[in-house]
Amino acid sequence: MILSAAIEAITAQQPKEENAVWMVGEQLKDMLRQEPHMAEIVLRDLEVPEMSLEHCEKKIKAWADQHKVGNFACVTPIRAEKIIREFYGLPERDVDPTASQEDRRSSKFIDLTDFF
């Protein structure tokens, strides 16, 4: 199953200690459990060295550093999820890319291909 393979790939990239890279992996696993249709994208991306959990964590840290207040930096789970989705090219929450065009039309998003 693709979901199991994606979770195994994430686990393989996680360090043994529970540090920031490990936490990115845990959040990504949680996201895939909630939205298993994204597993194939993540599995493919994790095969590319530049798309590793470590590189994703660096993007999250960069955001935190840019928004630091004094000596304090923090990234909320919602912000981290948004960065993870952008990094791996995952759809927004609850948007299934495998949904039919008619299903997508009924959503709040505009499909630009409708104008062609």
N, C-alpha and C. Protein backbone atom coordinates (compact mmCIF):
# COMPACT_ATOMS: atom_id res chain seq x y z
N MET A 1 0.84 -1.19 0.00
CA MET A 1 0.00 0.00 0.00
C MET A 1 0.88 1.24 0.00
N ILE A 2 0.48 2.23 -0.75
CA ILE A 2 1.29 3.44 -0.91
C ILE A 2 1.42 4.22 0.40
N LEU A 3 0.34 4.30 1.17
CA LEU A 3 0.39 5.03 2.43
C LEU A 3 1.44 4.41 3.35
N SER A 4 1.44 3.10 3.47
CA SER A 4 2.43 2.41 4.33
C SER A 4 3.85 2.67 3.84
N ALA A 5 4.04 2.63 2.53
CA ALA A 5 5.37 2.87 1.96
C ALA A 5 5.83 4.30 2.23
N ALA A 6 4.92 5.25 2.13
CA ALA A 6 5.27 6.65 2.39
C ALA A 6 5.64 6.85 3.86
N ILE A 7 4.87 6.25 4.76
CA ILE A 7 5.18 6.37 6.19
C ILE A 7 6.52 5.71 6.51
N GLU A 8 6.81 4.57 5.88
CA GLU A 8 8.10 3.91 6.07
C GLU A 8 9.24 4.79 5.56
N ALA A 9 9.04 5.45 4.42
CA ALA A 9 10.07 6.34 3.86
C ALA A 9 10.33 7.52 4.79
N ILE A 10 9.27 8.04 5.38
CA ILE A 10 9.42 9.15 6.33
C ILE A 10 10.20 8.66 7.55
N THR A 11 9.80 7.53 8.10
CA THR A 11 10.47 6.97 9.27
C THR A 11 11.95 6.72 8.99
N ALA A 12 12.27 6.26 7.81
CA ALA A 12 13.66 5.99 7.44
C ALA A 12 14.51 7.27 7.44
N GLN A 13 13.88 8.41 7.16
CA GLN A 13 14.62 9.68 7.13
C GLN A 13 14.66 10.37 8.49
N GLN A 14 13.86 9.89 9.43
CA GLN A 14 13.84 10.52 10.75
C GLN A 14 15.04 10.09 11.58
N PRO A 15 15.68 11.04 12.27
CA PRO A 15 16.76 10.66 13.17
C PRO A 15 16.19 9.94 14.39
N LYS A 16 17.06 9.27 15.12
CA LYS A 16 16.61 8.55 16.33
C LYS A 16 16.14 9.51 17.42
N GLU A 17 16.86 10.64 17.56
CA GLU A 17 16.48 11.61 18.60
C GLU A 17 15.30 12.44 18.13
N GLU A 18 14.48 12.84 19.06
CA GLU A 18 13.28 13.60 18.75
C GLU A 18 13.61 15.09 18.61
N ASN A 19 14.20 15.43 17.48
CA ASN A 19 14.57 16.83 17.22
C ASN A 19 13.61 17.44 16.19
N ALA A 20 13.97 18.57 15.64
CA ALA A 20 13.08 19.28 14.70
C ALA A 20 12.80 18.46 13.45
N VAL A 21 13.81 17.78 12.90
CA VAL A 21 13.60 16.96 11.69
C VAL A 21 12.64 15.81 12.01
N TRP A 22 12.79 15.20 13.16
CA TRP A 22 11.91 14.13 13.59
C TRP A 22 10.47 14.64 13.67
N MET A 23 10.29 15.86 14.23
CA MET A 23 8.94 16.42 14.38
C MET A 23 8.30 16.70 13.02
N VAL A 24 9.08 17.15 12.04
CA VAL A 24 8.55 17.36 10.69
C VAL A 24 8.03 16.03 10.15
N GLY A 25 8.79 14.97 10.36
CA GLY A 25 8.36 13.65 9.93
C GLY A 25 7.06 13.22 10.58
N GLU A 26 6.94 13.46 11.88
CA GLU A 26 5.72 13.08 12.59
C GLU A 26 4.52 13.87 12.08
N GLN A 27 4.72 15.16 11.83
CA GLN A 27 3.61 15.97 11.33
C GLN A 27 3.22 15.52 9.92
N LEU A 28 4.20 15.19 9.10
CA LEU A 28 3.91 14.72 7.76
C LEU A 28 3.18 13.38 7.79
N LYS A 29 3.56 12.50 8.69
CA LYS A 29 2.84 11.22 8.85
C LYS A 29 1.39 11.48 9.24
N ASP A 30 1.18 12.38 10.19
CA ASP A 30 -0.19 12.71 10.61
C ASP A 30 -1.00 13.26 9.43
N MET A 31 -0.39 14.10 8.63
CA MET A 31 -1.07 14.66 7.47
C MET A 31 -1.48 13.56 6.49
N LEU A 32 -0.58 12.61 6.27
CA LEU A 32 -0.88 11.52 5.33
C LEU A 32 -1.96 10.59 5.87
N ARG A 33 -1.97 10.38 7.17
CA ARG A 33 -3.02 9.53 7.75
C ARG A 33 -4.40 10.18 7.57
N GLN A 34 -4.44 11.51 7.63
CA GLN A 34 -5.70 12.22 7.45
C GLN A 34 -6.07 12.35 5.97
N GLU A 35 -5.06 12.43 5.12
CA GLU A 35 -5.29 12.63 3.69
C GLU A 35 -4.41 11.66 2.89
N PRO A 36 -4.77 10.38 2.89
CA PRO A 36 -3.92 9.37 2.26
C PRO A 36 -3.71 9.55 0.76
N HIS A 37 -4.55 10.34 0.10
CA HIS A 37 -4.37 10.58 -1.33
C HIS A 37 -3.07 11.32 -1.65
N MET A 38 -2.41 11.88 -0.64
CA MET A 38 -1.16 12.62 -0.85
C MET A 38 0.07 11.71 -0.74
N ALA A 39 -0.11 10.47 -0.34
CA ALA A 39 1.01 9.57 -0.05
C ALA A 39 1.92 9.36 -1.27
N GLU A 40 1.34 9.22 -2.44
CA GLU A 40 2.15 8.97 -3.64
C GLU A 40 3.09 10.14 -3.93
N ILE A 41 2.59 11.36 -3.77
CA ILE A 41 3.41 12.56 -4.00
C ILE A 41 4.58 12.57 -3.03
N VAL A 42 4.29 12.34 -1.75
CA VAL A 42 5.33 12.39 -0.72
C VAL A 42 6.36 11.28 -0.95
N LEU A 43 5.88 10.09 -1.26
CA LEU A 43 6.78 8.96 -1.49
C LEU A 43 7.75 9.27 -2.63
N ARG A 44 7.23 9.83 -3.70
CA ARG A 44 8.08 10.19 -4.85
C ARG A 44 9.07 11.29 -4.47
N ASP A 45 8.60 12.29 -3.76
CA ASP A 45 9.47 13.41 -3.39
C ASP A 45 10.59 12.98 -2.45
N LEU A 46 10.30 12.09 -1.52
CA LEU A 46 11.32 11.67 -0.55
C LEU A 46 12.47 10.91 -1.19
N GLU A 47 12.30 10.45 -2.43
CA GLU A 47 13.38 9.78 -3.15
C GLU A 47 14.40 10.77 -3.67
N VAL A 48 14.05 12.05 -3.70
CA VAL A 48 14.93 13.11 -4.20
C VAL A 48 15.67 13.71 -2.99
N PRO A 49 17.00 13.69 -2.99
CA PRO A 49 17.75 14.18 -1.83
C PRO A 49 17.38 15.61 -1.40
N GLU A 50 17.08 16.48 -2.35
CA GLU A 50 16.74 17.88 -2.03
C GLU A 50 15.35 18.02 -1.42
N MET A 51 14.58 16.92 -1.40
CA MET A 51 13.22 16.95 -0.85
C MET A 51 13.14 16.17 0.47
N SER A 52 14.26 16.00 1.11
CA SER A 52 14.31 15.23 2.36
C SER A 52 13.62 15.98 3.50
N LEU A 53 13.35 15.25 4.56
CA LEU A 53 12.78 15.88 5.76
C LEU A 53 13.71 16.97 6.28
N GLU A 54 14.99 16.72 6.20
CA GLU A 54 15.97 17.70 6.68
C GLU A 54 15.85 19.02 5.91
N HIS A 55 15.71 18.93 4.58
CA HIS A 55 15.56 20.15 3.79
C HIS A 55 14.23 20.85 4.08
N CYS A 56 13.19 20.07 4.31
CA CYS A 56 11.90 20.66 4.67
C CYS A 56 12.01 21.40 6.00
N GLU A 57 12.67 20.78 6.95
CA GLU A 57 12.84 21.42 8.27
C GLU A 57 13.60 22.73 8.14
N LYS A 58 14.55 22.80 7.23
CA LYS A 58 15.31 24.04 7.02
C LYS A 58 14.39 25.15 6.52
N LYS A 59 13.40 24.80 5.71
CA LYS A 59 12.42 25.80 5.24
C LYS A 59 11.60 26.33 6.41
N ILE A 60 11.20 25.42 7.30
CA ILE A 60 10.42 25.83 8.46
C ILE A 60 11.27 26.71 9.39
N LYS A 61 12.52 26.33 9.59
CA LYS A 61 13.42 27.12 10.43
C LYS A 61 13.67 28.49 9.82
N ALA A 62 13.81 28.55 8.50
CA ALA A 62 14.02 29.84 7.83
C ALA A 62 12.83 30.76 8.07
N TRP A 63 11.61 30.19 8.02
CA TRP A 63 10.43 31.00 8.28
C TRP A 63 10.46 31.51 9.72
N ALA A 64 10.81 30.64 10.65
CA ALA A 64 10.87 31.03 12.06
C ALA A 64 11.91 32.14 12.27
N ASP A 65 13.07 31.99 11.64
CA ASP A 65 14.12 33.00 11.79
C ASP A 65 13.69 34.35 11.22
N GLN A 66 12.94 34.33 10.13
CA GLN A 66 12.47 35.58 9.52
C GLN A 66 11.41 36.28 10.37
N HIS A 67 10.74 35.51 11.21
CA HIS A 67 9.66 36.07 12.02
C HIS A 67 10.00 36.08 13.51
N LYS A 68 11.28 36.07 13.80
CA LYS A 68 11.76 36.06 15.17
C LYS A 68 11.44 37.39 15.86
N VAL A 69 11.06 37.32 17.12
CA VAL A 69 10.82 38.50 17.93
C VAL A 69 11.83 38.44 19.07
N GLY A 70 12.79 39.35 19.03
CA GLY A 70 13.86 39.30 20.02
C GLY A 70 14.66 38.02 19.82
N ASN A 71 14.77 37.23 20.89
CA ASN A 71 15.48 35.96 20.80
C ASN A 71 14.52 34.78 20.67
N PHE A 72 13.26 35.05 20.41
CA PHE A 72 12.25 34.00 20.39
C PHE A 72 11.73 33.76 18.98
N ALA A 73 11.69 32.49 18.60
CA ALA A 73 11.12 32.10 17.31
C ALA A 73 10.20 30.90 17.54
N CYS A 74 9.08 30.91 16.86
CA CYS A 74 8.11 29.84 17.03
C CYS A 74 7.37 29.63 15.71
N VAL A 75 7.03 28.37 15.44
CA VAL A 75 6.22 28.04 14.27
C VAL A 75 5.05 27.22 14.77
N THR A 76 3.85 27.70 14.54
CA THR A 76 2.67 26.97 14.98
C THR A 76 2.48 25.74 14.09
N PRO A 77 1.75 24.73 14.57
CA PRO A 77 1.50 23.55 13.72
C PRO A 77 0.80 23.90 12.41
N ILE A 78 -0.09 24.86 12.43
CA ILE A 78 -0.80 25.25 11.21
C ILE A 78 0.18 25.87 10.20
N ARG A 79 1.07 26.73 10.68
CA ARG A 79 2.06 27.35 9.79
C ARG A 79 3.03 26.29 9.27
N ALA A 80 3.46 25.38 10.15
CA ALA A 80 4.37 24.30 9.72
C ALA A 80 3.71 23.45 8.65
N GLU A 81 2.43 23.14 8.83
CA GLU A 81 1.71 22.35 7.83
C GLU A 81 1.67 23.08 6.49
N LYS A 82 1.44 24.37 6.53
CA LYS A 82 1.41 25.15 5.29
C LYS A 82 2.76 25.10 4.58
N ILE A 83 3.84 25.22 5.34
CA ILE A 83 5.19 25.17 4.76
C ILE A 83 5.47 23.78 4.21
N ILE A 84 5.07 22.74 4.93
CA ILE A 84 5.26 21.37 4.47
C ILE A 84 4.49 21.15 3.17
N ARG A 85 3.25 21.61 3.12
CA ARG A 85 2.44 21.46 1.90
C ARG A 85 3.10 22.18 0.72
N GLU A 86 3.58 23.39 0.94
CA GLU A 86 4.25 24.13 -0.13
C GLU A 86 5.52 23.42 -0.57
N PHE A 87 6.30 22.94 0.39
CA PHE A 87 7.58 22.29 0.08
C PHE A 87 7.38 21.04 -0.78
N TYR A 88 6.41 20.22 -0.42
CA TYR A 88 6.17 18.97 -1.14
C TYR A 88 5.12 19.11 -2.26
N GLY A 89 4.60 20.30 -2.46
CA GLY A 89 3.61 20.51 -3.52
C GLY A 89 2.30 19.78 -3.27
N LEU A 90 1.91 19.74 -2.01
CA LEU A 90 0.68 19.04 -1.63
C LEU A 90 -0.51 19.99 -1.72
N PRO A 91 -1.68 19.45 -2.05
CA PRO A 91 -2.86 20.31 -2.14
C PRO A 91 -3.26 20.85 -0.76
N GLU A 92 -4.05 21.89 -0.79
CA GLU A 92 -4.57 22.44 0.46
C GLU A 92 -5.38 21.38 1.18
N ARG A 93 -5.55 21.57 2.46
CA ARG A 93 -6.30 20.60 3.27
C ARG A 93 -7.68 20.36 2.67
N ASP A 94 -8.05 19.10 2.65
CA ASP A 94 -9.36 18.65 2.19
C ASP A 94 -9.63 18.91 0.70
N VAL A 95 -8.60 19.14 -0.09
CA VAL A 95 -8.77 19.25 -1.53
C VAL A 95 -8.13 18.01 -2.13
N ASP A 96 -8.97 17.11 -2.63
CA ASP A 96 -8.50 15.85 -3.20
C ASP A 96 -8.22 16.06 -4.69
N PRO A 97 -6.95 15.96 -5.12
CA PRO A 97 -6.64 16.19 -6.53
C PRO A 97 -7.23 15.11 -7.44
N THR A 98 -7.66 13.99 -6.87
CA THR A 98 -8.26 12.93 -7.68
C THR A 98 -9.76 13.13 -7.84
N ALA A 99 -10.31 14.15 -7.20
CA ALA A 99 -11.75 14.41 -7.32
C ALA A 99 -12.08 14.80 -8.75
N SER A 100 -13.28 14.51 -9.16
CA SER A 100 -13.69 14.84 -10.52
C SER A 100 -13.76 16.36 -10.70
N GLN A 101 -13.74 16.77 -11.95
CA GLN A 101 -13.80 18.20 -12.24
C GLN A 101 -15.10 18.80 -11.71
N GLU A 102 -16.18 18.06 -11.78
CA GLU A 102 -17.46 18.56 -11.28
C GLU A 102 -17.42 18.74 -9.77
N ASP A 103 -16.77 17.80 -9.07
CA ASP A 103 -16.62 17.92 -7.61
C ASP A 103 -15.83 19.17 -7.26
N ARG A 104 -14.77 19.42 -8.04
CA ARG A 104 -13.95 20.60 -7.76
C ARG A 104 -14.70 21.89 -8.05
N ARG A 105 -15.58 21.87 -9.05
CA ARG A 105 -16.36 23.06 -9.36
C ARG A 105 -17.28 23.44 -8.20
N SER A 106 -17.75 22.44 -7.50
CA SER A 106 -18.67 22.72 -6.39
C SER A 106 -17.92 23.22 -5.16
N SER A 107 -16.60 23.18 -5.21
CA SER A 107 -15.82 23.69 -4.07
C SER A 107 -15.70 25.20 -4.20
N LYS A 108 -15.05 25.82 -3.23
CA LYS A 108 -14.90 27.27 -3.24
C LYS A 108 -13.75 27.75 -4.11
N PHE A 109 -13.08 26.81 -4.81
CA PHE A 109 -11.93 27.16 -5.62
C PHE A 109 -12.33 27.31 -7.09
N ILE A 110 -11.64 28.17 -7.78
CA ILE A 110 -11.90 28.41 -9.21
C ILE A 110 -10.92 27.58 -10.01
N ASP A 111 -11.42 26.83 -10.98
CA ASP A 111 -10.59 26.06 -11.88
C ASP A 111 -10.41 26.90 -13.14
N LEU A 112 -9.20 27.40 -13.35
CA LEU A 112 -8.94 28.29 -14.48
C LEU A 112 -9.15 27.61 -15.82
N THR A 113 -9.09 26.28 -15.86
CA THR A 113 -9.32 25.58 -17.13
C THR A 113 -10.77 25.73 -17.59
N ASP A 114 -11.67 26.09 -16.72
CA ASP A 114 -13.06 26.32 -17.10
C ASP A 114 -13.21 27.51 -18.05
N PHE A 115 -12.21 28.39 -18.06
CA PHE A 115 -12.28 29.59 -18.88
C PHE A 115 -11.70 29.38 -20.28
N PHE A 116 -11.15 28.21 -20.54
CA PHE A 116 -10.54 27.95 -21.85
C PHE A 116 -11.50 27.27 -22.78
